[in-house]
Amino acid sequence: MSRAQLQDSWKTNVPIDQARQKLGLLFQQHSMTIVQADDDTVEVTQGSQFITRFLGGWFVDPRDFPKNARVHLAPNENGVIVQASIEETLGFGYLDSHFKSRYETYFQFWMNMLKRELPPVQ
């Protein structure tokens, strides 16, 4: 069965320095650990494979599911291009449809949070 992931990109009018600051606060507020960062790209992890496997994907809060996210900010005329992706990192094993659905629901929630902080330009 396919793994859970979500990708999106959009343009925002938030200045690049402010966008970086907002990302840092967002990751901190949601207990996401920065594993790699440079001027343009931030990669974060969240969750615990141990807790998810020990208690089971049906009983653990999706925030605690193991996942990896990446946000790339590219300065553009009058704004910033945001490229964001998030994917599960459960590794081996079967990802049944209910478990995958819980991941996908959380991923959509996460992407919506990101868009609230860095709103798309119409």
PDB file of N, CA and C in Angstrom:
ATOM      1  N   MET A   1       0.849  -1.182   0.000  1.00  0.00           N
ATOM      2  CA  MET A   1       0.000   0.000   0.000  1.00  0.00           C
ATOM      3  C   MET A   1       0.893   1.244   0.000  1.00  0.00           C
ATOM      4  N   SER A   2       0.455   2.300  -0.648  1.00  0.00           N
ATOM      5  CA  SER A   2       1.248   3.524  -0.745  1.00  0.00           C
ATOM      6  C   SER A   2       1.377   4.195   0.617  1.00  0.00           C
ATOM      7  N   ARG A   3       2.417   4.946   0.741  1.00  0.00           N
ATOM      8  CA  ARG A   3       2.697   5.651   1.981  1.00  0.00           C
ATOM      9  C   ARG A   3       1.965   6.987   1.993  1.00  0.00           C
ATOM     10  N   ALA A   4       1.891   7.600   3.167  1.00  0.00           N
ATOM     11  CA  ALA A   4       1.184   8.868   3.323  1.00  0.00           C
ATOM     12  C   ALA A   4       2.147  10.035   3.117  1.00  0.00           C
ATOM     13  N   GLN A   5       1.732  10.974   2.274  1.00  0.00           N
ATOM     14  CA  GLN A   5       2.539  12.177   2.044  1.00  0.00           C
ATOM     15  C   GLN A   5       1.652  13.264   1.458  1.00  0.00           C
ATOM     16  N   LEU A   6       2.107  14.505   1.582  1.00  0.00           N
ATOM     17  CA  LEU A   6       1.384  15.646   1.021  1.00  0.00           C
ATOM     18  C   LEU A   6       2.410  16.700   0.627  1.00  0.00           C
ATOM     19  N   GLN A   7       2.210  17.304  -0.549  1.00  0.00           N
ATOM     20  CA  GLN A   7       3.081  18.367  -1.044  1.00  0.00           C
ATOM     21  C   GLN A   7       2.221  19.500  -1.569  1.00  0.00           C
ATOM     22  N   ASP A   8       2.733  20.719  -1.441  1.00  0.00           N
ATOM     23  CA  ASP A   8       2.024  21.874  -1.991  1.00  0.00           C
ATOM     24  C   ASP A   8       3.036  23.006  -2.175  1.00  0.00           C
ATOM     25  N   SER A   9       2.690  23.958  -3.017  1.00  0.00           N
ATOM     26  CA  SER A   9       3.512  25.160  -3.171  1.00  0.00           C
ATOM     27  C   SER A   9       2.590  26.329  -3.490  1.00  0.00           C
ATOM     28  N   TRP A  10       3.014  27.518  -3.078  1.00  0.00           N
ATOM     29  CA  TRP A  10       2.230  28.728  -3.294  1.00  0.00           C
ATOM     30  C   TRP A  10       3.137  29.939  -3.106  1.00  0.00           C
ATOM     31  N   LYS A  11       2.618  31.080  -3.507  1.00  0.00           N
ATOM     32  CA  LYS A  11       3.319  32.345  -3.306  1.00  0.00           C
ATOM     33  C   LYS A  11       2.651  33.078  -2.155  1.00  0.00           C
ATOM     34  N   THR A  12       3.473  33.712  -1.321  1.00  0.00           N
ATOM     35  CA  THR A  12       2.963  34.526  -0.219  1.00  0.00           C
ATOM     36  C   THR A  12       3.612  35.904  -0.278  1.00  0.00           C
ATOM     37  N   ASN A  13       2.937  36.897   0.285  1.00  0.00           N
ATOM     38  CA  ASN A  13       3.485  38.256   0.348  1.00  0.00           C
ATOM     39  C   ASN A  13       4.270  38.503   1.629  1.00  0.00           C
ATOM     40  N   VAL A  14       4.365  37.518   2.494  1.00  0.00           N
ATOM     41  CA  VAL A  14       5.111  37.672   3.738  1.00  0.00           C
ATOM     42  C   VAL A  14       6.594  37.818   3.390  1.00  0.00           C
ATOM     43  N   PRO A  15       7.268  38.863   3.894  1.00  0.00           N
ATOM     44  CA  PRO A  15       8.702  39.034   3.618  1.00  0.00           C
ATOM     45  C   PRO A  15       9.509  37.822   4.107  1.00  0.00           C
ATOM     46  N   ILE A  16      10.590  37.512   3.416  1.00  0.00           N
ATOM     47  CA  ILE A  16      11.370  36.299   3.682  1.00  0.00           C
ATOM     48  C   ILE A  16      11.848  36.196   5.128  1.00  0.00           C
ATOM     49  N   ASP A  17      12.338  37.282   5.715  1.00  0.00           N
ATOM     50  CA  ASP A  17      12.813  37.222   7.104  1.00  0.00           C
ATOM     51  C   ASP A  17      11.672  36.914   8.071  1.00  0.00           C
ATOM     52  N   GLN A  18      10.530  37.525   7.822  1.00  0.00           N
ATOM     53  CA  GLN A  18       9.361  37.265   8.655  1.00  0.00           C
ATOM     54  C   GLN A  18       8.852  35.835   8.438  1.00  0.00           C
ATOM     55  N   ALA A  19       8.918  35.337   7.215  1.00  0.00           N
ATOM     56  CA  ALA A  19       8.494  33.961   6.925  1.00  0.00           C
ATOM     57  C   ALA A  19       9.371  32.965   7.686  1.00  0.00           C
ATOM     58  N   ARG A  20      10.675  33.185   7.698  1.00  0.00           N
ATOM     59  CA  ARG A  20      11.591  32.307   8.443  1.00  0.00           C
ATOM     60  C   ARG A  20      11.251  32.321   9.931  1.00  0.00           C
ATOM     61  N   GLN A  21      10.982  33.502  10.448  1.00  0.00           N
ATOM     62  CA  GLN A  21      10.640  33.654  11.860  1.00  0.00           C
ATOM     63  C   GLN A  21       9.335  32.919  12.186  1.00  0.00           C
ATOM     64  N   LYS A  22       8.343  33.073  11.338  1.00  0.00           N
ATOM     65  CA  LYS A  22       7.053  32.405  11.549  1.00  0.00           C
ATOM     66  C   LYS A  22       7.206  30.887  11.503  1.00  0.00           C
ATOM     67  N   LEU A  23       8.035  30.390  10.592  1.00  0.00           N
ATOM     68  CA  LEU A  23       8.274  28.945  10.518  1.00  0.00           C
ATOM     69  C   LEU A  23       8.885  28.434  11.816  1.00  0.00           C
ATOM     70  N   GLY A  24       9.895  29.133  12.304  1.00  0.00           N
ATOM     71  CA  GLY A  24      10.546  28.714  13.543  1.00  0.00           C
ATOM     72  C   GLY A  24       9.574  28.633  14.708  1.00  0.00           C
ATOM     73  N   LEU A  25       8.720  29.646  14.839  1.00  0.00           N
ATOM     74  CA  LEU A  25       7.721  29.647  15.913  1.00  0.00           C
ATOM     75  C   LEU A  25       6.703  28.531  15.738  1.00  0.00           C
ATOM     76  N   LEU A  26       6.250  28.323  14.511  1.00  0.00           N
ATOM     77  CA  LEU A  26       5.279  27.270  14.227  1.00  0.00           C
ATOM     78  C   LEU A  26       5.852  25.901  14.596  1.00  0.00           C
ATOM     79  N   PHE A  27       7.082  25.640  14.188  1.00  0.00           N
ATOM     80  CA  PHE A  27       7.705  24.353  14.504  1.00  0.00           C
ATOM     81  C   PHE A  27       7.879  24.184  16.010  1.00  0.00           C
ATOM     82  N   GLN A  28       8.266  25.253  16.685  1.00  0.00           N
ATOM     83  CA  GLN A  28       8.445  25.200  18.129  1.00  0.00           C
ATOM     84  C   GLN A  28       7.113  24.928  18.837  1.00  0.00           C
ATOM     85  N   GLN A  29       6.060  25.622  18.434  1.00  0.00           N
ATOM     86  CA  GLN A  29       4.744  25.454  19.059  1.00  0.00           C
ATOM     87  C   GLN A  29       4.186  24.045  18.884  1.00  0.00           C
ATOM     88  N   HIS A  30       4.591  23.364  17.822  1.00  0.00           N
ATOM     89  CA  HIS A  30       4.055  22.037  17.535  1.00  0.00           C
ATOM     90  C   HIS A  30       5.073  20.926  17.785  1.00  0.00           C
ATOM     91  N   SER A  31       6.071  21.229  18.616  1.00  0.00           N
ATOM     92  CA  SER A  31       7.078  20.242  19.033  1.00  0.00           C
ATOM     93  C   SER A  31       7.725  19.531  17.853  1.00  0.00           C
ATOM     94  N   MET A  32       8.050  20.303  16.833  1.00  0.00           N
ATOM     95  CA  MET A  32       8.746  19.753  15.671  1.00  0.00           C
ATOM     96  C   MET A  32      10.229  20.101  15.825  1.00  0.00           C
ATOM     97  N   THR A  33      11.074  19.104  15.672  1.00  0.00           N
ATOM     98  CA  THR A  33      12.505  19.267  15.867  1.00  0.00           C
ATOM     99  C   THR A  33      13.195  19.576  14.544  1.00  0.00           C
ATOM    100  N   ILE A  34      13.922  20.661  14.502  1.00  0.00           N
ATOM    101  CA  ILE A  34      14.676  21.021  13.297  1.00  0.00           C
ATOM    102  C   ILE A  34      15.894  20.109  13.206  1.00  0.00           C
ATOM    103  N   VAL A  35      15.994  19.390  12.098  1.00  0.00           N
ATOM    104  CA  VAL A  35      17.127  18.481  11.906  1.00  0.00           C
ATOM    105  C   VAL A  35      18.130  19.041  10.905  1.00  0.00           C
ATOM    106  N   GLN A  36      17.675  19.967  10.077  1.00  0.00           N
ATOM    107  CA  GLN A  36      18.573  20.599   9.115  1.00  0.00           C
ATOM    108  C   GLN A  36      17.964  21.927   8.707  1.00  0.00           C
ATOM    109  N   ALA A  37      18.800  22.939   8.612  1.00  0.00           N
ATOM    110  CA  ALA A  37      18.307  24.255   8.203  1.00  0.00           C
ATOM    111  C   ALA A  37      19.423  25.044   7.534  1.00  0.00           C
ATOM    112  N   ASP A  38      19.046  25.782   6.512  1.00  0.00           N
ATOM    113  CA  ASP A  38      19.923  26.770   5.906  1.00  0.00           C
ATOM    114  C   ASP A  38      19.065  27.989   5.610  1.00  0.00           C
ATOM    115  N   ASP A  39      19.553  28.905   4.826  1.00  0.00           N
ATOM    116  CA  ASP A  39      18.805  30.133   4.574  1.00  0.00           C
ATOM    117  C   ASP A  39      17.472  29.888   3.875  1.00  0.00           C
ATOM    118  N   ASP A  40      17.404  28.844   3.062  1.00  0.00           N
ATOM    119  CA  ASP A  40      16.215  28.631   2.236  1.00  0.00           C
ATOM    120  C   ASP A  40      15.354  27.441   2.631  1.00  0.00           C
ATOM    121  N   THR A  41      15.920  26.426   3.281  1.00  0.00           N
ATOM    122  CA  THR A  41      15.190  25.188   3.531  1.00  0.00           C
ATOM    123  C   THR A  41      15.306  24.762   4.989  1.00  0.00           C
ATOM    124  N   VAL A  42      14.184  24.321   5.531  1.00  0.00           N
ATOM    125  CA  VAL A  42      14.156  23.779   6.892  1.00  0.00           C
ATOM    126  C   VAL A  42      13.545  22.386   6.819  1.00  0.00           C
ATOM    127  N   GLU A  43      14.215  21.432   7.456  1.00  0.00           N
ATOM    128  CA  GLU A  43      13.688  20.074   7.549  1.00  0.00           C
ATOM    129  C   GLU A  43      13.446  19.776   9.022  1.00  0.00           C
ATOM    130  N   VAL A  44      12.264  19.248   9.330  1.00  0.00           N
ATOM    131  CA  VAL A  44      11.898  18.967  10.715  1.00  0.00           C
ATOM    132  C   VAL A  44      11.353  17.548  10.837  1.00  0.00           C
ATOM    133  N   THR A  45      11.407  17.041  12.062  1.00  0.00           N
ATOM    134  CA  THR A  45      10.783  15.752  12.369  1.00  0.00           C
ATOM    135  C   THR A  45       9.807  15.970  13.514  1.00  0.00           C
ATOM    136  N   GLN A  46       8.908  15.022  13.642  1.00  0.00           N
ATOM    137  CA  GLN A  46       7.940  15.074  14.734  1.00  0.00           C
ATOM    138  C   GLN A  46       7.475  13.656  14.992  1.00  0.00           C
ATOM    139  N   GLY A  47       7.167  13.367  16.233  1.00  0.00           N
ATOM    140  CA  GLY A  47       6.572  12.085  16.573  1.00  0.00           C
ATOM    141  C   GLY A  47       7.580  11.043  17.005  1.00  0.00           C
ATOM    142  N   SER A  48       7.041   9.869  17.312  1.00  0.00           N
ATOM    143  CA  SER A  48       7.867   8.782  17.822  1.00  0.00           C
ATOM    144  C   SER A  48       7.436   7.462  17.189  1.00  0.00           C
ATOM    145  N   GLN A  49       8.385   6.825  16.552  1.00  0.00           N
ATOM    146  CA  GLN A  49       8.105   5.513  15.987  1.00  0.00           C
ATOM    147  C   GLN A  49       7.828   4.511  17.114  1.00  0.00           C
ATOM    148  N   PHE A  50       8.569   4.622  18.215  1.00  0.00           N
ATOM    149  CA  PHE A  50       8.381   3.703  19.339  1.00  0.00           C
ATOM    150  C   PHE A  50       6.958   3.787  19.892  1.00  0.00           C
ATOM    151  N   ILE A  51       6.519   5.002  20.215  1.00  0.00           N
ATOM    152  CA  ILE A  51       5.175   5.173  20.791  1.00  0.00           C
ATOM    153  C   ILE A  51       4.108   4.697  19.818  1.00  0.00           C
ATOM    154  N   THR A  52       4.261   5.051  18.554  1.00  0.00           N
ATOM    155  CA  THR A  52       3.264   4.660  17.550  1.00  0.00           C
ATOM    156  C   THR A  52       3.195   3.147  17.412  1.00  0.00           C
ATOM    157  N   ARG A  53       4.334   2.487  17.359  1.00  0.00           N
ATOM    158  CA  ARG A  53       4.341   1.031  17.222  1.00  0.00           C
ATOM    159  C   ARG A  53       3.899   0.338  18.515  1.00  0.00           C
ATOM    160  N   PHE A  54       4.304   0.876  19.661  1.00  0.00           N
ATOM    161  CA  PHE A  54       3.983   0.260  20.937  1.00  0.00           C
ATOM    162  C   PHE A  54       2.483   0.325  21.240  1.00  0.00           C
ATOM    163  N   LEU A  55       1.900   1.500  21.026  1.00  0.00           N
ATOM    164  CA  LEU A  55       0.481   1.681  21.332  1.00  0.00           C
ATOM    165  C   LEU A  55      -0.424   1.394  20.145  1.00  0.00           C
ATOM    166  N   GLY A  56       0.106   1.503  18.948  1.00  0.00           N
ATOM    167  CA  GLY A  56      -0.689   1.241  17.746  1.00  0.00           C
ATOM    168  C   GLY A  56      -1.227   2.524  17.136  1.00  0.00           C
ATOM    169  N   GLY A  57      -1.241   2.563  15.808  1.00  0.00           N
ATOM    170  CA  GLY A  57      -1.650   3.748  15.067  1.00  0.00           C
ATOM    171  C   GLY A  57      -3.101   4.166  15.273  1.00  0.00           C
ATOM    172  N   TRP A  58      -3.912   3.275  15.758  1.00  0.00           N
ATOM    173  CA  TRP A  58      -5.313   3.628  15.978  1.00  0.00           C
ATOM    174  C   TRP A  58      -5.525   4.367  17.287  1.00  0.00           C
ATOM    175  N   PHE A  59      -4.545   4.274  18.208  1.00  0.00           N
ATOM    176  CA  PHE A  59      -4.729   4.805  19.558  1.00  0.00           C
ATOM    177  C   PHE A  59      -3.849   6.013  19.875  1.00  0.00           C
ATOM    178  N   VAL A  60      -2.892   6.303  19.025  1.00  0.00           N
ATOM    179  CA  VAL A  60      -1.951   7.393  19.262  1.00  0.00           C
ATOM    180  C   VAL A  60      -2.446   8.654  18.558  1.00  0.00           C
ATOM    181  N   ASP A  61      -2.231   9.800  19.191  1.00  0.00           N
ATOM    182  CA  ASP A  61      -2.558  11.081  18.567  1.00  0.00           C
ATOM    183  C   ASP A  61      -1.681  11.242  17.316  1.00  0.00           C
ATOM    184  N   PRO A  62      -2.251  11.653  16.186  1.00  0.00           N
ATOM    185  CA  PRO A  62      -1.465  11.799  14.956  1.00  0.00           C
ATOM    186  C   PRO A  62      -0.255  12.725  15.087  1.00  0.00           C
ATOM    187  N   ARG A  63      -0.272  13.664  16.033  1.00  0.00           N
ATOM    188  CA  ARG A  63       0.918  14.492  16.253  1.00  0.00           C
ATOM    189  C   ARG A  63       2.103  13.638  16.677  1.00  0.00           C
ATOM    190  N   ASP A  64       1.821  12.487  17.276  1.00  0.00           N
ATOM    191  CA  ASP A  64       2.885  11.609  17.753  1.00  0.00           C
ATOM    192  C   ASP A  64       3.310  10.568  16.726  1.00  0.00           C
ATOM    193  N   PHE A  65       2.655  10.539  15.560  1.00  0.00           N
ATOM    194  CA  PHE A  65       3.091   9.638  14.491  1.00  0.00           C
ATOM    195  C   PHE A  65       4.451  10.115  13.977  1.00  0.00           C
ATOM    196  N   PRO A  66       5.351   9.214  13.637  1.00  0.00           N
ATOM    197  CA  PRO A  66       6.637   9.657  13.095  1.00  0.00           C
ATOM    198  C   PRO A  66       6.472  10.257  11.701  1.00  0.00           C
ATOM    199  N   LYS A  67       7.072  11.430  11.516  1.00  0.00           N
ATOM    200  CA  LYS A  67       6.941  12.127  10.231  1.00  0.00           C
ATOM    201  C   LYS A  67       8.121  13.052  10.009  1.00  0.00           C
ATOM    202  N   ASN A  68       8.295  13.425   8.765  1.00  0.00           N
ATOM    203  CA  ASN A  68       9.354  14.327   8.348  1.00  0.00           C
ATOM    204  C   ASN A  68       8.701  15.403   7.470  1.00  0.00           C
ATOM    205  N   ALA A  69       9.074  16.650   7.674  1.00  0.00           N
ATOM    206  CA  ALA A  69       8.525  17.737   6.860  1.00  0.00           C
ATOM    207  C   ALA A  69       9.678  18.615   6.376  1.00  0.00           C
ATOM    208  N   ARG A  70       9.440  19.223   5.234  1.00  0.00           N
ATOM    209  CA  ARG A  70      10.452  20.096   4.630  1.00  0.00           C
ATOM    210  C   ARG A  70       9.743  21.321   4.053  1.00  0.00           C
ATOM    211  N   VAL A  71      10.297  22.502   4.349  1.00  0.00           N
ATOM    212  CA  VAL A  71       9.756  23.748   3.811  1.00  0.00           C
ATOM    213  C   VAL A  71      10.901  24.519   3.164  1.00  0.00           C
ATOM    214  N   HIS A  72      10.699  24.859   1.898  1.00  0.00           N
ATOM    215  CA  HIS A  72      11.685  25.629   1.141  1.00  0.00           C
ATOM    216  C   HIS A  72      11.083  26.998   0.838  1.00  0.00           C
ATOM    217  N   LEU A  73      11.835  28.051   1.137  1.00  0.00           N
ATOM    218  CA  LEU A  73      11.406  29.429   0.875  1.00  0.00           C
ATOM    219  C   LEU A  73      12.313  30.016  -0.191  1.00  0.00           C
ATOM    220  N   ALA A  74      11.721  30.468  -1.293  1.00  0.00           N
ATOM    221  CA  ALA A  74      12.491  31.064  -2.386  1.00  0.00           C
ATOM    222  C   ALA A  74      12.007  32.491  -2.607  1.00  0.00           C
ATOM    223  N   PRO A  75      12.880  33.479  -2.348  1.00  0.00           N
ATOM    224  CA  PRO A  75      12.482  34.872  -2.591  1.00  0.00           C
ATOM    225  C   PRO A  75      12.062  35.060  -4.043  1.00  0.00           C
ATOM    226  N   ASN A  76      11.015  35.829  -4.220  1.00  0.00           N
ATOM    227  CA  ASN A  76      10.459  36.084  -5.540  1.00  0.00           C
ATOM    228  C   ASN A  76      10.040  37.548  -5.564  1.00  0.00           C
ATOM    229  N   GLU A  77       9.838  38.076  -6.741  1.00  0.00           N
ATOM    230  CA  GLU A  77       9.381  39.459  -6.847  1.00  0.00           C
ATOM    231  C   GLU A  77       8.105  39.637  -6.026  1.00  0.00           C
ATOM    232  N   ASN A  78       8.123  40.578  -5.094  1.00  0.00           N
ATOM    233  CA  ASN A  78       6.971  40.898  -4.247  1.00  0.00           C
ATOM    234  C   ASN A  78       6.536  39.758  -3.343  1.00  0.00           C
ATOM    235  N   GLY A  79       7.441  38.898  -2.926  1.00  0.00           N
ATOM    236  CA  GLY A  79       7.028  37.846  -2.011  1.00  0.00           C
ATOM    237  C   GLY A  79       7.987  36.676  -1.961  1.00  0.00           C
ATOM    238  N   VAL A  80       7.433  35.545  -1.576  1.00  0.00           N
ATOM    239  CA  VAL A  80       8.205  34.325  -1.376  1.00  0.00           C
ATOM    240  C   VAL A  80       7.411  33.149  -1.949  1.00  0.00           C
ATOM    241  N   ILE A  81       8.106  32.264  -2.640  1.00  0.00           N
ATOM    242  CA  ILE A  81       7.505  31.007  -3.083  1.00  0.00           C
ATOM    243  C   ILE A  81       7.754  29.989  -1.973  1.00  0.00           C
ATOM    244  N   VAL A  82       6.694  29.368  -1.489  1.00  0.00           N
ATOM    245  CA  VAL A  82       6.778  28.360  -0.432  1.00  0.00           C
ATOM    246  C   VAL A  82       6.561  26.994  -1.069  1.00  0.00           C
ATOM    247  N   GLN A  83       7.475  26.083  -0.825  1.00  0.00           N
ATOM    248  CA  GLN A  83       7.311  24.690  -1.253  1.00  0.00           C
ATOM    249  C   GLN A  83       7.366  23.853   0.020  1.00  0.00           C
ATOM    250  N   ALA A  84       6.299  23.124   0.301  1.00  0.00           N
ATOM    251  CA  ALA A  84       6.209  22.364   1.545  1.00  0.00           C
ATOM    252  C   ALA A  84       5.842  20.917   1.256  1.00  0.00           C
ATOM    253  N   SER A  85       6.435  20.029   2.034  1.00  0.00           N
ATOM    254  CA  SER A  85       6.080  18.607   1.935  1.00  0.00           C
ATOM    255  C   SER A  85       6.153  17.992   3.323  1.00  0.00           C
ATOM    256  N   ILE A  86       5.336  16.982   3.532  1.00  0.00           N
ATOM    257  CA  ILE A  86       5.326  16.238   4.786  1.00  0.00           C
ATOM    258  C   ILE A  86       5.028  14.786   4.446  1.00  0.00           C
ATOM    259  N   GLU A  87       5.727  13.865   5.119  1.00  0.00           N
ATOM    260  CA  GLU A  87       5.548  12.440   4.831  1.00  0.00           C
ATOM    261  C   GLU A  87       5.736  11.617   6.091  1.00  0.00           C
ATOM    262  N   GLU A  88       5.089  10.474   6.101  1.00  0.00           N
ATOM    263  CA  GLU A  88       5.249   9.576   7.240  1.00  0.00           C
ATOM    264  C   GLU A  88       6.599   8.893   7.151  1.00  0.00           C
ATOM    265  N   THR A  89       7.157   8.576   8.316  1.00  0.00           N
ATOM    266  CA  THR A  89       8.445   7.890   8.376  1.00  0.00           C
ATOM    267  C   THR A  89       8.344   6.662   9.279  1.00  0.00           C
ATOM    268  N   LEU A  90       7.230   5.976   9.170  1.00  0.00           N
ATOM    269  CA  LEU A  90       7.011   4.788   9.984  1.00  0.00           C
ATOM    270  C   LEU A  90       7.956   3.661   9.587  1.00  0.00           C
ATOM    271  N   GLY A  91       8.369   3.662   8.323  1.00  0.00           N
ATOM    272  CA  GLY A  91       9.291   2.628   7.875  1.00  0.00           C
ATOM    273  C   GLY A  91       8.560   1.370   7.449  1.00  0.00           C
ATOM    274  N   PHE A  92       9.152   0.236   7.746  1.00  0.00           N
ATOM    275  CA  PHE A  92       8.580  -1.033   7.310  1.00  0.00           C
ATOM    276  C   PHE A  92       7.223  -1.279   7.976  1.00  0.00           C
ATOM    277  N   GLY A  93       6.485  -2.165   7.404  1.00  0.00           N
ATOM    278  CA  GLY A  93       5.193  -2.532   7.980  1.00  0.00           C
ATOM    279  C   GLY A  93       4.042  -2.086   7.107  1.00  0.00           C
ATOM    280  N   TYR A  94       2.890  -2.558   7.454  1.00  0.00           N
ATOM    281  CA  TYR A  94       1.677  -2.300   6.702  1.00  0.00           C
ATOM    282  C   TYR A  94       1.007  -1.032   7.196  1.00  0.00           C
ATOM    283  N   LEU A  95       0.629  -0.169   6.293  1.00  0.00           N
ATOM    284  CA  LEU A  95      -0.075   1.065   6.613  1.00  0.00           C
ATOM    285  C   LEU A  95      -1.507   0.881   6.124  1.00  0.00           C
ATOM    286  N   ASP A  96      -2.386   0.403   7.008  1.00  0.00           N
ATOM    287  CA  ASP A  96      -3.760   0.140   6.569  1.00  0.00           C
ATOM    288  C   ASP A  96      -4.489   1.442   6.252  1.00  0.00           C
ATOM    289  N   SER A  97      -5.626   1.336   5.599  1.00  0.00           N
ATOM    290  CA  SER A  97      -6.330   2.520   5.096  1.00  0.00           C
ATOM    291  C   SER A  97      -6.760   3.469   6.214  1.00  0.00           C
ATOM    292  N   HIS A  98      -7.163   2.946   7.362  1.00  0.00           N
ATOM    293  CA  HIS A  98      -7.572   3.814   8.468  1.00  0.00           C
ATOM    294  C   HIS A  98      -6.368   4.580   9.024  1.00  0.00           C
ATOM    295  N   PHE A  99      -5.256   3.873   9.219  1.00  0.00           N
ATOM    296  CA  PHE A  99      -4.038   4.501   9.728  1.00  0.00           C
ATOM    297  C   PHE A  99      -3.546   5.555   8.739  1.00  0.00           C
ATOM    298  N   LYS A 100      -3.526   5.226   7.449  1.00  0.00           N
ATOM    299  CA  LYS A 100      -3.111   6.169   6.414  1.00  0.00           C
ATOM    300  C   LYS A 100      -4.029   7.390   6.407  1.00  0.00           C
ATOM    301  N   SER A 101      -5.322   7.180   6.579  1.00  0.00           N
ATOM    302  CA  SER A 101      -6.290   8.270   6.610  1.00  0.00           C
ATOM    303  C   SER A 101      -6.011   9.220   7.781  1.00  0.00           C
ATOM    304  N   ARG A 102      -5.624   8.673   8.922  1.00  0.00           N
ATOM    305  CA  ARG A 102      -5.303   9.520  10.075  1.00  0.00           C
ATOM    306  C   ARG A 102      -4.063  10.369   9.792  1.00  0.00           C
ATOM    307  N   TYR A 103      -3.062   9.765   9.144  1.00  0.00           N
ATOM    308  CA  TYR A 103      -1.887  10.533   8.725  1.00  0.00           C
ATOM    309  C   TYR A 103      -2.311  11.653   7.777  1.00  0.00           C
ATOM    310  N   GLU A 104      -3.075  11.310   6.749  1.00  0.00           N
ATOM    311  CA  GLU A 104      -3.458  12.295   5.727  1.00  0.00           C
ATOM    312  C   GLU A 104      -4.275  13.433   6.307  1.00  0.00           C
ATOM    313  N   THR A 105      -5.139  13.145   7.257  1.00  0.00           N
ATOM    314  CA  THR A 105      -5.927  14.191   7.917  1.00  0.00           C
ATOM    315  C   THR A 105      -5.007  15.136   8.679  1.00  0.00           C
ATOM    316  N   TYR A 106      -4.032  14.581   9.392  1.00  0.00           N
ATOM    317  CA  TYR A 106      -3.076  15.425  10.110  1.00  0.00           C
ATOM    318  C   TYR A 106      -2.235  16.239   9.139  1.00  0.00           C
ATOM    319  N   PHE A 107      -1.809  15.621   8.035  1.00  0.00           N
ATOM    320  CA  PHE A 107      -0.995  16.335   7.057  1.00  0.00           C
ATOM    321  C   PHE A 107      -1.750  17.523   6.488  1.00  0.00           C
ATOM    322  N   GLN A 108      -3.046  17.367   6.230  1.00  0.00           N
ATOM    323  CA  GLN A 108      -3.848  18.480   5.720  1.00  0.00           C
ATOM    324  C   GLN A 108      -3.966  19.574   6.777  1.00  0.00           C
ATOM    325  N   PHE A 109      -4.152  19.182   8.032  1.00  0.00           N
ATOM    326  CA  PHE A 109      -4.184  20.136   9.150  1.00  0.00           C
ATOM    327  C   PHE A 109      -2.871  20.918   9.205  1.00  0.00           C
ATOM    328  N   TRP A 110      -1.732  20.203   9.085  1.00  0.00           N
ATOM    329  CA  TRP A 110      -0.413  20.826   9.138  1.00  0.00           C
ATOM    330  C   TRP A 110      -0.232  21.821   7.993  1.00  0.00           C
ATOM    331  N   MET A 111      -0.621  21.433   6.787  1.00  0.00           N
ATOM    332  CA  MET A 111      -0.482  22.306   5.622  1.00  0.00           C
ATOM    333  C   MET A 111      -1.363  23.549   5.793  1.00  0.00           C
ATOM    334  N   ASN A 112      -2.562  23.371   6.323  1.00  0.00           N
ATOM    335  CA  ASN A 112      -3.453  24.517   6.572  1.00  0.00           C
ATOM    336  C   ASN A 112      -2.852  25.470   7.603  1.00  0.00           C
ATOM    337  N   MET A 113      -2.199  24.916   8.649  1.00  0.00           N
ATOM    338  CA  MET A 113      -1.515  25.767   9.640  1.00  0.00           C
ATOM    339  C   MET A 113      -0.432  26.594   8.969  1.00  0.00           C
ATOM    340  N   LEU A 114       0.323  25.947   8.115  1.00  0.00           N
ATOM    341  CA  LEU A 114       1.399  26.623   7.394  1.00  0.00           C
ATOM    342  C   LEU A 114       0.845  27.740   6.513  1.00  0.00           C
ATOM    343  N   LYS A 115      -0.275  27.474   5.861  1.00  0.00           N
ATOM    344  CA  LYS A 115      -0.891  28.490   4.998  1.00  0.00           C
ATOM    345  C   LYS A 115      -1.510  29.626   5.786  1.00  0.00           C
ATOM    346  N   ARG A 116      -1.914  29.377   7.027  1.00  0.00           N
ATOM    347  CA  ARG A 116      -2.395  30.480   7.864  1.00  0.00           C
ATOM    348  C   ARG A 116      -1.253  31.420   8.218  1.00  0.00           C
ATOM    349  N   GLU A 117      -0.065  30.846   8.479  1.00  0.00           N
ATOM    350  CA  GLU A 117       1.098  31.656   8.819  1.00  0.00           C
ATOM    351  C   GLU A 117       1.708  32.347   7.601  1.00  0.00           C
ATOM    352  N   LEU A 118       1.679  31.676   6.466  1.00  0.00           N
ATOM    353  CA  LEU A 118       2.237  32.201   5.220  1.00  0.00           C
ATOM    354  C   LEU A 118       1.139  32.157   4.157  1.00  0.00           C
ATOM    355  N   PRO A 119       0.161  33.056   4.260  1.00  0.00           N
ATOM    356  CA  PRO A 119      -1.037  32.967   3.410  1.00  0.00           C
ATOM    357  C   PRO A 119      -0.740  33.096   1.908  1.00  0.00           C
ATOM    358  N   PRO A 120      -1.371  32.220   1.132  1.00  0.00           N
ATOM    359  CA  PRO A 120      -1.211  32.290  -0.332  1.00  0.00           C
ATOM    360  C   PRO A 120      -1.804  33.571  -0.897  1.00  0.00           C
ATOM    361  N   VAL A 121      -1.176  34.071  -1.947  1.00  0.00           N
ATOM    362  CA  VAL A 121      -1.664  35.229  -2.672  1.00  0.00           C
ATOM    363  C   VAL A 121      -2.565  34.712  -3.786  1.00  0.00           C
ATOM    364  N   GLN A 122      -3.676  35.344  -3.980  1.00  0.00           N
ATOM    365  CA  GLN A 122      -4.616  34.910  -5.030  1.00  0.00           C
ATOM    366  C   GLN A 122      -4.194  35.422  -6.385  1.00  0.00           C
TER     367      GLN A 122
END
